[in-house]
Amino acid sequence: KIEALRKADESKGTFGALTVLEADGKKKDFELISKTRVFSANSRL
């Protein structure tokens, strides 16, 4: 489950990022890059 979202800010040079809470309780941070693709549950971009 998404715990936190951060949108990219080109003026500051930061990438988009998100934190995901996994089922076992661990949190993982992810950085989005320019080639990251985001899909809906029915596989639409």
Full PDB file with SEQRES, HELIX, SHEET, SSBOND, CRYST1, ORIGX, SCALE, CONECT and MASTER records, all heavy atoms in Angstrom:
SEQRES   1 A   45  LYS ILE GLU ALA LEU ARG LYS ALA ASP GLU SER LYS GLY          
SEQRES   2 A   45  THR PHE GLY ALA LEU THR VAL LEU GLU ALA ASP GLY LYS          
SEQRES   3 A   45  LYS LYS ASP PHE GLU LEU ILE SER LYS THR ARG VAL PHE          
SEQRES   4 A   45  SER ALA ASN SER ARG LEU                                      
SHEET    1 AA1 3 ILE A   2  ARG A   6  0                                        
SHEET    2 AA1 3 ALA A  17  LEU A  21 -1                                        
SHEET    3 AA1 3 LYS A  27  GLU A  31 -1                                        
CRYST1    1.000    1.000    1.000  90.00  90.00  90.00 P 1           1          
ORIGX1      1.000000  0.000000  0.000000        0.00000                         
ORIGX2      0.000000  1.000000  0.000000        0.00000                         
ORIGX3      0.000000  0.000000  1.000000        0.00000                         
SCALE1      1.000000  0.000000  0.000000        0.00000                         
SCALE2      0.000000  1.000000  0.000000        0.00000                         
SCALE3      0.000000  0.000000  1.000000        0.00000                         
ATOM      1  N   LYS A   1       0.849  -1.190   0.000  1.00  0.00           N  
ATOM      2  CA  LYS A   1       0.000   0.000   0.000  1.00  0.00           C  
ATOM      3  C   LYS A   1       0.885   1.241   0.000  1.00  0.00           C  
ATOM      4  O   LYS A   1       1.896   1.299   0.701  1.00  0.00           O  
ATOM      5  CB  LYS A   1      -0.875  -0.008   1.258  1.00  0.00           C  
ATOM      6  CG  LYS A   1      -1.857   1.125   1.314  1.00  0.00           C  
ATOM      7  CD  LYS A   1      -2.807   1.123   2.493  1.00  0.00           C  
ATOM      8  CE  LYS A   1      -2.494   0.237   3.637  1.00  0.00           C  
ATOM      9  NZ  LYS A   1      -3.361   0.433   4.792  1.00  0.00           N  
ATOM     10  N   ILE A   2       0.495   2.240  -0.801  1.00  0.00           N  
ATOM     11  CA  ILE A   2       1.262   3.488  -0.859  1.00  0.00           C  
ATOM     12  C   ILE A   2       1.101   4.235   0.459  1.00  0.00           C  
ATOM     13  O   ILE A   2       0.001   4.526   0.897  1.00  0.00           O  
ATOM     14  CB  ILE A   2       0.796   4.377  -2.029  1.00  0.00           C  
ATOM     15  CG1 ILE A   2       1.081   3.688  -3.358  1.00  0.00           C  
ATOM     16  CG2 ILE A   2       1.488   5.732  -1.975  1.00  0.00           C  
ATOM     17  CD1 ILE A   2       0.576   4.448  -4.575  1.00  0.00           C  
ATOM     18  N   GLU A   3       2.232   4.520   1.102  1.00  0.00           N  
ATOM     19  CA  GLU A   3       2.255   5.273   2.354  1.00  0.00           C  
ATOM     20  C   GLU A   3       2.482   6.757   2.108  1.00  0.00           C  
ATOM     21  O   GLU A   3       1.963   7.596   2.822  1.00  0.00           O  
ATOM     22  CB  GLU A   3       3.377   4.746   3.258  1.00  0.00           C  
ATOM     23  CG  GLU A   3       3.045   3.450   3.945  1.00  0.00           C  
ATOM     24  CD  GLU A   3       2.082   3.656   5.091  1.00  0.00           C  
ATOM     25  OE1 GLU A   3       2.342   4.497   5.968  1.00  0.00           O  
ATOM     26  OE2 GLU A   3       1.054   2.963   5.104  1.00  0.00           O  
ATOM     27  N   ALA A   4       3.336   7.069   1.109  1.00  0.00           N  
ATOM     28  CA  ALA A   4       3.658   8.471   0.833  1.00  0.00           C  
ATOM     29  C   ALA A   4       4.028   8.631  -0.632  1.00  0.00           C  
ATOM     30  O   ALA A   4       4.572   7.722  -1.243  1.00  0.00           O  
ATOM     31  CB  ALA A   4       4.828   8.914   1.708  1.00  0.00           C  
ATOM     32  N   LEU A   5       3.707   9.802  -1.169  1.00  0.00           N  
ATOM     33  CA  LEU A   5       4.026  10.155  -2.549  1.00  0.00           C  
ATOM     34  C   LEU A   5       4.764  11.483  -2.563  1.00  0.00           C  
ATOM     35  O   LEU A   5       4.448  12.379  -1.792  1.00  0.00           O  
ATOM     36  CB  LEU A   5       2.751  10.317  -3.380  1.00  0.00           C  
ATOM     37  CG  LEU A   5       1.903   9.080  -3.607  1.00  0.00           C  
ATOM     38  CD1 LEU A   5       0.528   9.486  -4.105  1.00  0.00           C  
ATOM     39  CD2 LEU A   5       2.549   8.182  -4.619  1.00  0.00           C  
ATOM     40  N   ARG A   6       5.732  11.617  -3.455  1.00  0.00           N  
ATOM     41  CA  ARG A   6       6.401  12.893  -3.660  1.00  0.00           C  
ATOM     42  C   ARG A   6       6.527  13.110  -5.160  1.00  0.00           C  
ATOM     43  O   ARG A   6       7.093  12.286  -5.867  1.00  0.00           O  
ATOM     44  CB  ARG A   6       7.792  12.890  -3.036  1.00  0.00           C  
ATOM     45  CG  ARG A   6       8.469  14.266  -3.149  1.00  0.00           C  
ATOM     46  CD  ARG A   6       9.903  14.260  -2.690  1.00  0.00           C  
ATOM     47  NE  ARG A   6      10.720  13.641  -3.727  1.00  0.00           N  
ATOM     48  CZ  ARG A   6      11.802  12.919  -3.502  1.00  0.00           C  
ATOM     49  NH1 ARG A   6      12.198  12.679  -2.277  1.00  0.00           N  
ATOM     50  NH2 ARG A   6      12.493  12.408  -4.501  1.00  0.00           N  
ATOM     51  N   LYS A   7       5.962  14.192  -5.634  1.00  0.00           N  
ATOM     52  CA  LYS A   7       6.029  14.490  -7.061  1.00  0.00           C  
ATOM     53  C   LYS A   7       7.382  15.076  -7.404  1.00  0.00           C  
ATOM     54  O   LYS A   7       8.042  15.687  -6.566  1.00  0.00           O  
ATOM     55  CB  LYS A   7       4.915  15.454  -7.448  1.00  0.00           C  
ATOM     56  CG  LYS A   7       3.561  14.825  -7.226  1.00  0.00           C  
ATOM     57  CD  LYS A   7       2.450  15.659  -7.741  1.00  0.00           C  
ATOM     58  CE  LYS A   7       1.182  14.898  -7.392  1.00  0.00           C  
ATOM     59  NZ  LYS A   7       0.024  15.322  -7.979  1.00  0.00           N  
ATOM     60  N   ALA A   8       7.778  14.898  -8.646  1.00  0.00           N  
ATOM     61  CA  ALA A   8       9.061  15.439  -9.114  1.00  0.00           C  
ATOM     62  C   ALA A   8       9.008  16.960  -9.136  1.00  0.00           C  
ATOM     63  O   ALA A   8       7.963  17.551  -9.391  1.00  0.00           O  
ATOM     64  CB  ALA A   8       9.357  14.907 -10.502  1.00  0.00           C  
ATOM     65  N   ASP A   9      10.130  17.577  -8.845  1.00  0.00           N  
ATOM     66  CA  ASP A   9      10.246  19.027  -8.909  1.00  0.00           C  
ATOM     67  C   ASP A   9      11.495  19.345  -9.733  1.00  0.00           C  
ATOM     68  O   ASP A   9      12.616  19.265  -9.230  1.00  0.00           O  
ATOM     69  CB  ASP A   9      10.360  19.622  -7.506  1.00  0.00           C  
ATOM     70  CG  ASP A   9      10.332  21.139  -7.504  1.00  0.00           C  
ATOM     71  OD1 ASP A   9      10.353  21.745  -8.596  1.00  0.00           O  
ATOM     72  OD2 ASP A   9      10.286  21.709  -6.407  1.00  0.00           O  
ATOM     73  N   GLU A  10      11.271  19.674 -11.000  1.00  0.00           N  
ATOM     74  CA  GLU A  10      12.390  19.914 -11.899  1.00  0.00           C  
ATOM     75  C   GLU A  10      13.235  21.102 -11.468  1.00  0.00           C  
ATOM     76  O   GLU A  10      14.449  21.116 -11.682  1.00  0.00           O  
ATOM     77  CB  GLU A  10      11.885  20.112 -13.325  1.00  0.00           C  
ATOM     78  CG  GLU A  10      11.324  18.849 -13.923  1.00  0.00           C  
ATOM     79  CD  GLU A  10      10.855  19.038 -15.352  1.00  0.00           C  
ATOM     80  OE1 GLU A  10      11.339  19.967 -16.030  1.00  0.00           O  
ATOM     81  OE2 GLU A  10       9.998  18.256 -15.785  1.00  0.00           O  
ATOM     82  N   SER A  11      12.620  22.108 -10.850  1.00  0.00           N  
ATOM     83  CA  SER A  11      13.386  23.284 -10.429  1.00  0.00           C  
ATOM     84  C   SER A  11      14.400  22.928  -9.338  1.00  0.00           C  
ATOM     85  O   SER A  11      15.461  23.527  -9.245  1.00  0.00           O  
ATOM     86  CB  SER A  11      12.459  24.387  -9.930  1.00  0.00           C  
ATOM     87  OG  SER A  11      11.774  23.973  -8.765  1.00  0.00           O  
ATOM     88  N   LYS A  12      14.076  21.929  -8.507  1.00  0.00           N  
ATOM     89  CA  LYS A  12      14.998  21.489  -7.457  1.00  0.00           C  
ATOM     90  C   LYS A  12      15.835  20.291  -7.892  1.00  0.00           C  
ATOM     91  O   LYS A  12      16.726  19.860  -7.176  1.00  0.00           O  
ATOM     92  CB  LYS A  12      14.214  21.109  -6.198  1.00  0.00           C  
ATOM     93  CG  LYS A  12      13.520  22.278  -5.539  1.00  0.00           C  
ATOM     94  CD  LYS A  12      12.782  21.828  -4.308  1.00  0.00           C  
ATOM     95  CE  LYS A  12      12.046  22.997  -3.665  1.00  0.00           C  
ATOM     96  NZ  LYS A  12      11.252  22.567  -2.517  1.00  0.00           N  
ATOM     97  N   GLY A  13      15.485  19.719  -9.052  1.00  0.00           N  
ATOM     98  CA  GLY A  13      16.221  18.563  -9.548  1.00  0.00           C  
ATOM     99  C   GLY A  13      15.894  17.276  -8.824  1.00  0.00           C  
ATOM    100  O   GLY A  13      16.718  16.372  -8.757  1.00  0.00           O  
ATOM    101  N   THR A  14      14.683  17.182  -8.262  1.00  0.00           N  
ATOM    102  CA  THR A  14      14.296  15.963  -7.551  1.00  0.00           C  
ATOM    103  C   THR A  14      13.375  15.114  -8.415  1.00  0.00           C  
ATOM    104  O   THR A  14      12.590  15.625  -9.207  1.00  0.00           O  
ATOM    105  CB  THR A  14      13.579  16.277  -6.220  1.00  0.00           C  
ATOM    106  OG1 THR A  14      12.412  17.050  -6.509  1.00  0.00           O  
ATOM    107  CG2 THR A  14      14.489  17.038  -5.278  1.00  0.00           C  
ATOM    108  N   PHE A  15      13.486  13.824  -8.244  1.00  0.00           N  
ATOM    109  CA  PHE A  15      12.635  12.873  -8.946  1.00  0.00           C  
ATOM    110  C   PHE A  15      11.381  12.616  -8.131  1.00  0.00           C  
ATOM    111  O   PHE A  15      11.346  12.871  -6.928  1.00  0.00           O  
ATOM    112  CB  PHE A  15      13.370  11.539  -9.145  1.00  0.00           C  
ATOM    113  CG  PHE A  15      14.515  11.614 -10.095  1.00  0.00           C  
ATOM    114  CD1 PHE A  15      15.823  11.705  -9.630  1.00  0.00           C  
ATOM    115  CD2 PHE A  15      14.308  11.590 -11.457  1.00  0.00           C  
ATOM    116  CE1 PHE A  15      16.884  11.765 -10.506  1.00  0.00           C  
ATOM    117  CE2 PHE A  15      15.364  11.650 -12.346  1.00  0.00           C  
ATOM    118  CZ  PHE A  15      16.657  11.744 -11.864  1.00  0.00           C  
ATOM    119  N   GLY A  16      10.371  12.053  -8.774  1.00  0.00           N  
ATOM    120  CA  GLY A  16       9.207  11.599  -8.045  1.00  0.00           C  
ATOM    121  C   GLY A  16       9.596  10.399  -7.189  1.00  0.00           C  
ATOM    122  O   GLY A  16      10.535   9.672  -7.513  1.00  0.00           O  
ATOM    123  N   ALA A  17       8.901  10.201  -6.096  1.00  0.00           N  
ATOM    124  CA  ALA A  17       9.223   9.082  -5.214  1.00  0.00           C  
ATOM    125  C   ALA A  17       7.967   8.610  -4.506  1.00  0.00           C  
ATOM    126  O   ALA A  17       6.967   9.332  -4.433  1.00  0.00           O  
ATOM    127  CB  ALA A  17      10.269   9.504  -4.186  1.00  0.00           C  
ATOM    128  N   LEU A  18       8.005   7.385  -4.018  1.00  0.00           N  
ATOM    129  CA  LEU A  18       6.914   6.882  -3.206  1.00  0.00           C  
ATOM    130  C   LEU A  18       7.452   5.889  -2.194  1.00  0.00           C  
ATOM    131  O   LEU A  18       8.527   5.321  -2.366  1.00  0.00           O  
ATOM    132  CB  LEU A  18       5.818   6.257  -4.054  1.00  0.00           C  
ATOM    133  CG  LEU A  18       6.072   4.902  -4.691  1.00  0.00           C  
ATOM    134  CD1 LEU A  18       4.745   4.170  -4.798  1.00  0.00           C  
ATOM    135  CD2 LEU A  18       6.636   5.074  -6.072  1.00  0.00           C  
ATOM    136  N   THR A  19       6.696   5.730  -1.129  1.00  0.00           N  
ATOM    137  CA  THR A  19       7.000   4.758  -0.087  1.00  0.00           C  
ATOM    138  C   THR A  19       5.866   3.759  -0.069  1.00  0.00           C  
ATOM    139  O   THR A  19       4.694   4.136  -0.054  1.00  0.00           O  
ATOM    140  CB  THR A  19       7.124   5.440   1.288  1.00  0.00           C  
ATOM    141  OG1 THR A  19       8.141   6.440   1.215  1.00  0.00           O  
ATOM    142  CG2 THR A  19       7.476   4.442   2.372  1.00  0.00           C  
ATOM    143  N   VAL A  20       6.227   2.473  -0.083  1.00  0.00           N  
ATOM    144  CA  VAL A  20       5.231   1.403  -0.091  1.00  0.00           C  
ATOM    145  C   VAL A  20       5.376   0.597   1.196  1.00  0.00           C  
ATOM    146  O   VAL A  20       6.483   0.229   1.588  1.00  0.00           O  
ATOM    147  CB  VAL A  20       5.420   0.485  -1.326  1.00  0.00           C  
ATOM    148  CG1 VAL A  20       4.511  -0.722  -1.261  1.00  0.00           C  
ATOM    149  CG2 VAL A  20       5.189   1.265  -2.610  1.00  0.00           C  
ATOM    150  N   LEU A  21       4.251   0.343   1.861  1.00  0.00           N  
ATOM    151  CA  LEU A  21       4.214  -0.517   3.044  1.00  0.00           C  
ATOM    152  C   LEU A  21       3.844  -1.915   2.572  1.00  0.00           C  
ATOM    153  O   LEU A  21       2.727  -2.143   2.083  1.00  0.00           O  
ATOM    154  CB  LEU A  21       3.197  -0.003   4.061  1.00  0.00           C  
ATOM    155  CG  LEU A  21       3.020  -0.837   5.315  1.00  0.00           C  
ATOM    156  CD1 LEU A  21       4.314  -0.871   6.136  1.00  0.00           C  
ATOM    157  CD2 LEU A  21       1.877  -0.316   6.154  1.00  0.00           C  
ATOM    158  N   GLU A  22       4.772  -2.846   2.688  1.00  0.00           N  
ATOM    159  CA  GLU A  22       4.529  -4.214   2.248  1.00  0.00           C  
ATOM    160  C   GLU A  22       3.710  -4.975   3.288  1.00  0.00           C  
ATOM    161  O   GLU A  22       3.564  -4.524   4.431  1.00  0.00           O  
ATOM    162  CB  GLU A  22       5.859  -4.923   1.984  1.00  0.00           C  
ATOM    163  CG  GLU A  22       6.649  -4.298   0.842  1.00  0.00           C  
ATOM    164  CD  GLU A  22       7.974  -4.983   0.604  1.00  0.00           C  
ATOM    165  OE1 GLU A  22       8.598  -5.479   1.573  1.00  0.00           O  
ATOM    166  OE2 GLU A  22       8.397  -5.019  -0.565  1.00  0.00           O  
ATOM    167  N   ALA A  23       3.208  -6.131   2.906  1.00  0.00           N  
ATOM    168  CA  ALA A  23       2.358  -6.939   3.787  1.00  0.00           C  
ATOM    169  C   ALA A  23       3.073  -7.364   5.068  1.00  0.00           C  
ATOM    170  O   ALA A  23       2.448  -7.499   6.117  1.00  0.00           O  
ATOM    171  CB  ALA A  23       1.866  -8.174   3.033  1.00  0.00           C  
ATOM    172  N   ASP A  24       4.395  -7.531   5.002  1.00  0.00           N  
ATOM    173  CA  ASP A  24       5.144  -7.950   6.191  1.00  0.00           C  
ATOM    174  C   ASP A  24       5.517  -6.779   7.099  1.00  0.00           C  
ATOM    175  O   ASP A  24       6.229  -6.938   8.079  1.00  0.00           O  
ATOM    176  CB  ASP A  24       6.403  -8.727   5.783  1.00  0.00           C  
ATOM    177  CG  ASP A  24       7.359  -7.913   4.936  1.00  0.00           C  
ATOM    178  OD1 ASP A  24       7.082  -6.728   4.665  1.00  0.00           O  
ATOM    179  OD2 ASP A  24       8.400  -8.476   4.527  1.00  0.00           O  
ATOM    180  N   GLY A  25       5.024  -5.574   6.768  1.00  0.00           N  
ATOM    181  CA  GLY A  25       5.253  -4.407   7.607  1.00  0.00           C  
ATOM    182  C   GLY A  25       6.489  -3.589   7.251  1.00  0.00           C  
ATOM    183  O   GLY A  25       6.742  -2.558   7.868  1.00  0.00           O  
ATOM    184  N   LYS A  26       7.250  -4.037   6.273  1.00  0.00           N  
ATOM    185  CA  LYS A  26       8.445  -3.287   5.863  1.00  0.00           C  
ATOM    186  C   LYS A  26       8.053  -2.152   4.926  1.00  0.00           C  
ATOM    187  O   LYS A  26       7.176  -2.298   4.084  1.00  0.00           O  
ATOM    188  CB  LYS A  26       9.428  -4.203   5.133  1.00  0.00           C  
ATOM    189  CG  LYS A  26      10.072  -5.228   6.007  1.00  0.00           C  
ATOM    190  CD  LYS A  26      11.061  -6.048   5.214  1.00  0.00           C  
ATOM    191  CE  LYS A  26      11.660  -7.155   6.054  1.00  0.00           C  
ATOM    192  NZ  LYS A  26      12.553  -8.013   5.256  1.00  0.00           N  
ATOM    193  N   LYS A  27       8.738  -1.018   5.096  1.00  0.00           N  
ATOM    194  CA  LYS A  27       8.525   0.118   4.194  1.00  0.00           C  
ATOM    195  C   LYS A  27       9.686   0.169   3.204  1.00  0.00           C  
ATOM    196  O   LYS A  27      10.841  -0.006   3.585  1.00  0.00           O  
ATOM    197  CB  LYS A  27       8.473   1.429   4.969  1.00  0.00           C  
ATOM    198  CG  LYS A  27       7.236   1.582   5.802  1.00  0.00           C  
ATOM    199  CD  LYS A  27       7.198   2.947   6.460  1.00  0.00           C  
ATOM    200  CE  LYS A  27       5.926   3.093   7.291  1.00  0.00           C  
ATOM    201  NZ  LYS A  27       5.838   4.419   7.903  1.00  0.00           N  
ATOM    202  N   LYS A  28       9.345   0.390   1.941  1.00  0.00           N  
ATOM    203  CA  LYS A  28      10.368   0.522   0.901  1.00  0.00           C  
ATOM    204  C   LYS A  28      10.156   1.829   0.172  1.00  0.00           C  
ATOM    205  O   LYS A  28       9.033   2.180  -0.169  1.00  0.00           O  
ATOM    206  CB  LYS A  28      10.284  -0.625  -0.103  1.00  0.00           C  
ATOM    207  CG  LYS A  28      11.001  -1.855   0.320  1.00  0.00           C  
ATOM    208  CD  LYS A  28      11.199  -2.790  -0.847  1.00  0.00           C  
ATOM    209  CE  LYS A  28      11.959  -4.004  -0.364  1.00  0.00           C  
ATOM    210  NZ  LYS A  28      12.062  -5.025  -1.368  1.00  0.00           N  
ATOM    211  N   ASP A  29      11.252   2.531  -0.058  1.00  0.00           N  
ATOM    212  CA  ASP A  29      11.211   3.778  -0.810  1.00  0.00           C  
ATOM    213  C   ASP A  29      11.633   3.502  -2.247  1.00  0.00           C  
ATOM    214  O   ASP A  29      12.571   2.736  -2.497  1.00  0.00           O  
ATOM    215  CB  ASP A  29      12.163   4.804  -0.193  1.00  0.00           C  
ATOM    216  CG  ASP A  29      11.728   5.227   1.193  1.00  0.00           C  
ATOM    217  OD1 ASP A  29      10.512   5.416   1.384  1.00  0.00           O  
ATOM    218  OD2 ASP A  29      12.587   5.365   2.078  1.00  0.00           O  
ATOM    219  N   PHE A  30      10.945   4.135  -3.180  1.00  0.00           N  
ATOM    220  CA  PHE A  30      11.231   3.985  -4.599  1.00  0.00           C  
ATOM    221  C   PHE A  30      11.368   5.350  -5.237  1.00  0.00           C  
ATOM    222  O   PHE A  30      10.625   6.270  -4.910  1.00  0.00           O  
ATOM    223  CB  PHE A  30      10.110   3.210  -5.308  1.00  0.00           C  
ATOM    224  CG  PHE A  30       9.925   1.833  -4.770  1.00  0.00           C  
ATOM    225  CD1 PHE A  30       8.950   1.579  -3.828  1.00  0.00           C  
ATOM    226  CD2 PHE A  30      10.719   0.792  -5.187  1.00  0.00           C  
ATOM    227  CE1 PHE A  30       8.760   0.312  -3.315  1.00  0.00           C  
ATOM    228  CE2 PHE A  30      10.546  -0.485  -4.684  1.00  0.00           C  
ATOM    229  CZ  PHE A  30       9.572  -0.725  -3.743  1.00  0.00           C  
ATOM    230  N   GLU A  31      12.321   5.459  -6.141  1.00  0.00           N  
ATOM    231  CA  GLU A  31      12.512   6.684  -6.914  1.00  0.00           C  
ATOM    232  C   GLU A  31      11.981   6.429  -8.314  1.00  0.00           C  
ATOM    233  O   GLU A  31      12.234   5.380  -8.899  1.00  0.00           O  
ATOM    234  CB  GLU A  31      13.996   7.020  -6.958  1.00  0.00           C  
ATOM    235  CG  GLU A  31      14.294   8.369  -7.528  1.00  0.00           C  
ATOM    236  CD  GLU A  31      15.762   8.720  -7.356  1.00  0.00           C  
ATOM    237  OE1 GLU A  31      16.555   8.331  -8.236  1.00  0.00           O  
ATOM    238  OE2 GLU A  31      16.100   9.371  -6.360  1.00  0.00           O  
ATOM    239  N   LEU A  32      11.212   7.384  -8.833  1.00  0.00           N  
ATOM    240  CA  LEU A  32      10.708   7.260 -10.190  1.00  0.00           C  
ATOM    241  C   LEU A  32      11.689   7.928 -11.140  1.00  0.00           C  
ATOM    242  O   LEU A  32      12.190   9.011 -10.853  1.00  0.00           O  
ATOM    243  CB  LEU A  32       9.334   7.922 -10.324  1.00  0.00           C  
ATOM    244  CG  LEU A  32       8.166   7.065  -9.839  1.00  0.00           C  
ATOM    245  CD1 LEU A  32       8.199   6.893  -8.361  1.00  0.00           C  
ATOM    246  CD2 LEU A  32       6.885   7.646 -10.292  1.00  0.00           C  
ATOM    247  N   ILE A  33      11.963   7.276 -12.233  1.00  0.00           N  
ATOM    248  CA  ILE A  33      12.861   7.834 -13.235  1.00  0.00           C  
ATOM    249  C   ILE A  33      12.039   8.212 -14.459  1.00  0.00           C  
ATOM    250  O   ILE A  33      10.840   7.946 -14.516  1.00  0.00           O  
ATOM    251  CB  ILE A  33      13.983   6.827 -13.590  1.00  0.00           C  
ATOM    252  CG1 ILE A  33      13.391   5.492 -14.061  1.00  0.00           C  
ATOM    253  CG2 ILE A  33      14.896   6.622 -12.403  1.00  0.00           C  
ATOM    254  CD1 ILE A  33      14.412   4.484 -14.522  1.00  0.00           C  
ATOM    255  N   SER A  34      12.662   8.824 -15.418  1.00  0.00           N  
ATOM    256  CA  SER A  34      11.915   9.304 -16.590  1.00  0.00           C  
ATOM    257  C   SER A  34      11.253   8.176 -17.368  1.00  0.00           C  
ATOM    258  O   SER A  34      10.240   8.387 -18.017  1.00  0.00           O  
ATOM    259  CB  SER A  34      12.832  10.098 -17.514  1.00  0.00           C  
ATOM    260  OG  SER A  34      13.881   9.279 -17.983  1.00  0.00           O  
ATOM    261  N   LYS A  35      11.785   6.968 -17.279  1.00  0.00           N  
ATOM    262  CA  LYS A  35      11.219   5.845 -18.025  1.00  0.00           C  
ATOM    263  C   LYS A  35      10.222   5.018 -17.219  1.00  0.00           C  
ATOM    264  O   LYS A  35       9.709   4.029 -17.708  1.00  0.00           O  
ATOM    265  CB  LYS A  35      12.338   4.948 -18.533  1.00  0.00           C  
ATOM    266  CG  LYS A  35      13.231   5.653 -19.533  1.00  0.00           C  
ATOM    267  CD  LYS A  35      14.310   4.752 -20.045  1.00  0.00           C  
ATOM    268  CE  LYS A  35      15.172   5.517 -21.027  1.00  0.00           C  
ATOM    269  NZ  LYS A  35      16.209   4.683 -21.599  1.00  0.00           N  
ATOM    270  N   THR A  36       9.936   5.399 -15.990  1.00  0.00           N  
ATOM    271  CA  THR A  36       8.982   4.658 -15.168  1.00  0.00           C  
ATOM    272  C   THR A  36       7.592   4.757 -15.784  1.00  0.00           C  
ATOM    273  O   THR A  36       7.133   5.837 -16.133  1.00  0.00           O  
ATOM    274  CB  THR A  36       8.940   5.209 -13.729  1.00  0.00           C  
ATOM    275  OG1 THR A  36      10.245   5.145 -13.167  1.00  0.00           O  
ATOM    276  CG2 THR A  36       7.976   4.412 -12.862  1.00  0.00           C  
ATOM    277  N   ARG A  37       6.919   3.632 -15.914  1.00  0.00           N  
ATOM    278  CA  ARG A  37       5.559   3.588 -16.459  1.00  0.00           C  
ATOM    279  C   ARG A  37       4.591   3.260 -15.328  1.00  0.00           C  
ATOM    280  O   ARG A  37       4.867   2.426 -14.484  1.00  0.00           O  
ATOM    281  CB  ARG A  37       5.430   2.525 -17.553  1.00  0.00           C  
ATOM    282  CG  ARG A  37       6.345   2.770 -18.741  1.00  0.00           C  
ATOM    283  CD  ARG A  37       5.897   4.007 -19.487  1.00  0.00           C  
ATOM    284  NE  ARG A  37       6.771   4.299 -20.592  1.00  0.00           N  
ATOM    285  CZ  ARG A  37       7.466   5.413 -20.711  1.00  0.00           C  
ATOM    286  NH1 ARG A  37       7.379   6.337 -19.799  1.00  0.00           N  
ATOM    287  NH2 ARG A  37       8.232   5.624 -21.744  1.00  0.00           N  
ATOM    288  N   VAL A  38       3.438   3.942 -15.332  1.00  0.00           N  
ATOM    289  CA  VAL A  38       2.426   3.743 -14.299  1.00  0.00           C  
ATOM    290  C   VAL A  38       1.168   3.218 -14.974  1.00  0.00           C  
ATOM    291  O   VAL A  38       0.684   3.805 -15.941  1.00  0.00           O  
ATOM    292  CB  VAL A  38       2.118   5.064 -13.550  1.00  0.00           C  
ATOM    293  CG1 VAL A  38       1.114   4.832 -12.441  1.00  0.00           C  
ATOM    294  CG2 VAL A  38       3.397   5.675 -12.992  1.00  0.00           C  
ATOM    295  N   PHE A  39       0.645   2.094 -14.456  1.00  0.00           N  
ATOM    296  CA  PHE A  39      -0.512   1.449 -15.045  1.00  0.00           C  
ATOM    297  C   PHE A  39      -1.652   1.350 -14.040  1.00  0.00           C  
ATOM    298  O   PHE A  39      -1.429   1.167 -12.846  1.00  0.00           O  
ATOM    299  CB  PHE A  39      -0.160   0.029 -15.518  1.00  0.00           C  
ATOM    300  CG  PHE A  39       0.881  -0.007 -16.592  1.00  0.00           C  
ATOM    301  CD1 PHE A  39       2.216  -0.217 -16.276  1.00  0.00           C  
ATOM    302  CD2 PHE A  39       0.540   0.181 -17.921  1.00  0.00           C  
ATOM    303  CE1 PHE A  39       3.189  -0.249 -17.261  1.00  0.00           C  
ATOM    304  CE2 PHE A  39       1.500   0.145 -18.915  1.00  0.00           C  
ATOM    305  CZ  PHE A  39       2.831  -0.061 -18.590  1.00  0.00           C  
ATOM    306  N   SER A  40      -2.876   1.417 -14.550  1.00  0.00           N  
ATOM    307  CA  SER A  40      -4.054   1.218 -13.711  1.00  0.00           C  
ATOM    308  C   SER A  40      -4.244  -0.282 -13.513  1.00  0.00           C  
ATOM    309  O   SER A  40      -3.535  -1.101 -14.099  1.00  0.00           O  
ATOM    310  CB  SER A  40      -5.292   1.825 -14.380  1.00  0.00           C  
ATOM    311  OG  SER A  40      -5.598   1.106 -15.560  1.00  0.00           O  
ATOM    312  N   ALA A  41      -5.249  -0.655 -12.704  1.00  0.00           N  
ATOM    313  CA  ALA A  41      -5.524  -2.066 -12.435  1.00  0.00           C  
ATOM    314  C   ALA A  41      -5.920  -2.821 -13.703  1.00  0.00           C  
ATOM    315  O   ALA A  41      -5.724  -4.033 -13.792  1.00  0.00           O  
ATOM    316  CB  ALA A  41      -6.620  -2.190 -11.384  1.00  0.00           C  
ATOM    317  N   ASN A  42      -6.467  -2.122 -14.700  1.00  0.00           N  
ATOM    318  CA  ASN A  42      -6.841  -2.792 -15.948  1.00  0.00           C  
ATOM    319  C   ASN A  42      -5.781  -2.580 -17.035  1.00  0.00           C  
ATOM    320  O   ASN A  42      -6.091  -2.622 -18.224  1.00  0.00           O  
ATOM    321  CB  ASN A  42      -8.227  -2.340 -16.425  1.00  0.00           C  
ATOM    322  CG  ASN A  42      -8.313  -0.852 -16.659  1.00  0.00           C  
ATOM    323  OD1 ASN A  42      -7.329  -0.140 -16.471  1.00  0.00           O  
ATOM    324  ND2 ASN A  42      -9.470  -0.382 -17.061  1.00  0.00           N  
ATOM    325  N   SER A  43      -4.549  -2.342 -16.621  1.00  0.00           N  
ATOM    326  CA  SER A  43      -3.375  -2.258 -17.503  1.00  0.00           C  
ATOM    327  C   SER A  43      -3.373  -1.084 -18.469  1.00  0.00           C  
ATOM    328  O   SER A  43      -2.756  -1.144 -19.512  1.00  0.00           O  
ATOM    329  CB  SER A  43      -3.197  -3.567 -18.279  1.00  0.00           C  
ATOM    330  OG  SER A  43      -3.035  -4.632 -17.402  1.00  0.00           O  
ATOM    331  N   ARG A  44      -4.068  -0.020 -18.132  1.00  0.00           N  
ATOM    332  CA  ARG A  44      -4.018   1.194 -18.952  1.00  0.00           C  
ATOM    333  C   ARG A  44      -2.942   2.110 -18.403  1.00  0.00           C  
ATOM    334  O   ARG A  44      -2.774   2.236 -17.186  1.00  0.00           O  
ATOM    335  CB  ARG A  44      -5.353   1.911 -18.927  1.00  0.00           C  
ATOM    336  CG  ARG A  44      -6.414   1.181 -19.681  1.00  0.00           C  
ATOM    337  CD  ARG A  44      -7.532   2.120 -19.923  1.00  0.00           C  
ATOM    338  NE  ARG A  44      -8.143   1.798 -21.192  1.00  0.00           N  
ATOM    339  CZ  ARG A  44      -9.392   2.040 -21.458  1.00  0.00           C  
ATOM    340  NH1 ARG A  44     -10.158   2.625 -20.561  1.00  0.00           N  
ATOM    341  NH2 ARG A  44      -9.875   1.723 -22.624  1.00  0.00           N  
ATOM    342  N   LEU A  45      -2.247   2.787 -19.305  1.00  0.00           N  
ATOM    343  CA  LEU A  45      -1.221   3.735 -18.906  1.00  0.00           C  
ATOM    344  C   LEU A  45      -1.875   4.961 -18.266  1.00  0.00           C  
ATOM    345  O   LEU A  45      -2.802   5.532 -18.825  1.00  0.00           O  
ATOM    346  CB  LEU A  45      -0.414   4.151 -20.144  1.00  0.00           C  
ATOM    347  CG  LEU A  45       0.936   4.792 -19.920  1.00  0.00           C  
ATOM    348  CD1 LEU A  45       1.851   3.881 -19.120  1.00  0.00           C  
ATOM    349  CD2 LEU A  45       1.585   5.117 -21.250  1.00  0.00           C  
TER     350      LEU A  45                                                      
MASTER        0    0    0    0    3    0    0    6  349    1    0    4          
END                                                                             
